[in-house]
Amino acid sequence: GGKAIAVSFGALLGLLPRRRPLLLLAACYLFFSLIAVIRPHDVRSITTYLTFALLCLLLVPEAPLRTGCCLISGVVVCKHLNPILKRQVKAHEQEGIDPIL
């Protein structure tokens, strides 16, 4: 676990000396890990990256950086959504509910 997160931080480190996106992602992770704690971890990651994308849209002045941050967020959110959806389908199947509905 954590590969997408580590790669995200690595990519943002590559932007130095432009550090705002890196600091925004770190701040989001710290906030949702220490202050407004969200569990389970995959839901925390989704919330963190959605918040990160929104903050980048509002606070990062360079359009290419905003776009890159949103793309990174999109990839990580999709990666973390898949297991959540699989758990939901499995739970519905165990309850005898058609997961398609």
Protein backbone atom coordinates (compact mmCIF):
# COMPACT_ATOMS: atom_id res chain seq x y z
CA GLY A 1 0.00 0.00 0.00
CA GLY A 2 0.95 3.64 -0.34
CA LYS A 3 2.59 3.40 -3.75
CA ALA A 4 0.36 6.00 -5.39
CA ILE A 5 0.83 8.31 -2.45
CA ALA A 6 4.61 7.94 -2.50
CA VAL A 7 4.74 8.53 -6.25
CA SER A 8 2.56 11.63 -5.84
CA PHE A 9 4.92 13.13 -3.30
CA GLY A 10 7.90 12.20 -5.48
CA ALA A 11 6.39 13.89 -8.52
CA LEU A 12 5.61 17.00 -6.49
CA LEU A 13 9.15 17.04 -5.08
CA GLY A 14 10.34 17.20 -8.66
CA LEU A 15 8.62 20.57 -8.99
CA LEU A 16 10.88 22.22 -6.41
CA PRO A 17 11.47 25.16 -5.99
CA ARG A 18 7.73 25.45 -6.74
CA ARG A 19 6.66 23.95 -3.45
CA ARG A 20 3.03 25.03 -3.06
CA PRO A 21 1.48 21.81 -4.48
CA LEU A 22 3.76 19.66 -2.30
CA LEU A 23 2.88 21.66 0.81
CA LEU A 24 -0.84 21.54 -0.01
CA LEU A 25 -0.81 17.75 -0.33
CA ALA A 26 1.20 17.35 2.87
CA ALA A 27 -1.14 19.70 4.72
CA CYS A 28 -4.21 17.82 3.49
CA TYR A 29 -2.76 14.49 4.58
CA LEU A 30 -1.80 15.81 7.99
CA PHE A 31 -5.20 17.44 8.48
CA PHE A 32 -7.18 14.28 7.63
CA SER A 33 -4.76 12.03 9.55
CA LEU A 34 -4.31 14.03 12.76
CA ILE A 35 -7.07 16.63 13.16
CA ALA A 36 -10.18 15.52 11.30
CA VAL A 37 -9.30 11.83 11.35
CA ILE A 38 -10.96 9.82 8.59
CA ARG A 39 -10.99 6.03 8.63
CA PRO A 40 -10.57 3.74 6.78
CA HIS A 41 -7.37 4.76 5.06
CA ASP A 42 -8.70 4.50 1.50
CA VAL A 43 -11.54 6.92 2.29
CA ARG A 44 -8.99 9.28 3.89
CA SER A 45 -6.86 9.14 0.74
CA ILE A 46 -9.84 9.89 -1.50
CA THR A 47 -10.87 12.83 0.69
CA THR A 48 -7.30 14.09 0.85
CA TYR A 49 -6.77 14.04 -2.90
CA LEU A 50 -10.14 15.61 -3.70
CA THR A 51 -9.37 18.39 -1.22
CA PHE A 52 -5.86 18.71 -2.66
CA ALA A 53 -7.25 19.10 -6.19
CA LEU A 54 -9.72 21.75 -5.05
CA LEU A 55 -7.05 23.68 -3.16
CA CYS A 56 -4.72 23.53 -6.15
CA LEU A 57 -7.45 24.91 -8.39
CA LEU A 58 -7.88 27.80 -5.96
CA LEU A 59 -4.32 28.46 -4.81
CA VAL A 60 -1.87 27.39 -7.54
CA PRO A 61 -1.54 30.20 -10.10
CA GLU A 62 0.17 28.23 -12.90
CA ALA A 63 -2.34 26.40 -15.12
CA PRO A 64 0.02 23.51 -16.02
CA LEU A 65 0.68 22.83 -12.32
CA ARG A 66 -3.04 22.94 -11.53
CA THR A 67 -3.71 20.50 -14.35
CA GLY A 68 -0.98 18.13 -13.21
CA CYS A 69 -2.22 18.19 -9.62
CA CYS A 70 -5.76 17.43 -10.74
CA LEU A 71 -4.53 14.57 -12.93
CA ILE A 72 -2.52 13.11 -10.06
CA SER A 73 -5.58 13.40 -7.82
CA GLY A 74 -7.80 11.74 -10.39
CA VAL A 75 -5.50 8.75 -10.75
CA VAL A 76 -5.15 8.24 -7.00
CA VAL A 77 -8.88 8.63 -6.37
CA CYS A 78 -9.70 6.07 -9.09
CA LYS A 79 -7.13 3.67 -7.66
CA HIS A 80 -8.65 3.94 -4.19
CA LEU A 81 -12.28 3.80 -5.33
CA ASN A 82 -11.94 0.37 -6.94
CA PRO A 83 -11.49 -1.62 -3.68
CA ILE A 84 -14.29 0.34 -2.01
CA LEU A 85 -16.69 -0.49 -4.84
CA LYS A 86 -15.65 -4.15 -4.75
CA ARG A 87 -16.36 -4.29 -1.00
CA GLN A 88 -19.78 -2.72 -1.57
CA VAL A 89 -20.66 -5.25 -4.28
CA LYS A 90 -19.48 -8.15 -2.10
CA ALA A 91 -21.51 -6.90 0.87
CA HIS A 92 -24.63 -6.59 -1.28
CA GLU A 93 -24.12 -10.06 -2.73
CA GLN A 94 -23.80 -11.52 0.78
CA GLU A 95 -27.07 -9.85 1.75
CA GLY A 96 -28.76 -11.22 -1.37
CA ILE A 97 -29.17 -7.78 -2.93
CA ASP A 98 -28.51 -7.38 -6.64
CA PRO A 99 -25.41 -5.10 -6.75
CA ILE A 100 -26.41 -3.66 -10.12
CA LEU A 101 -29.49 -1.96 -8.67
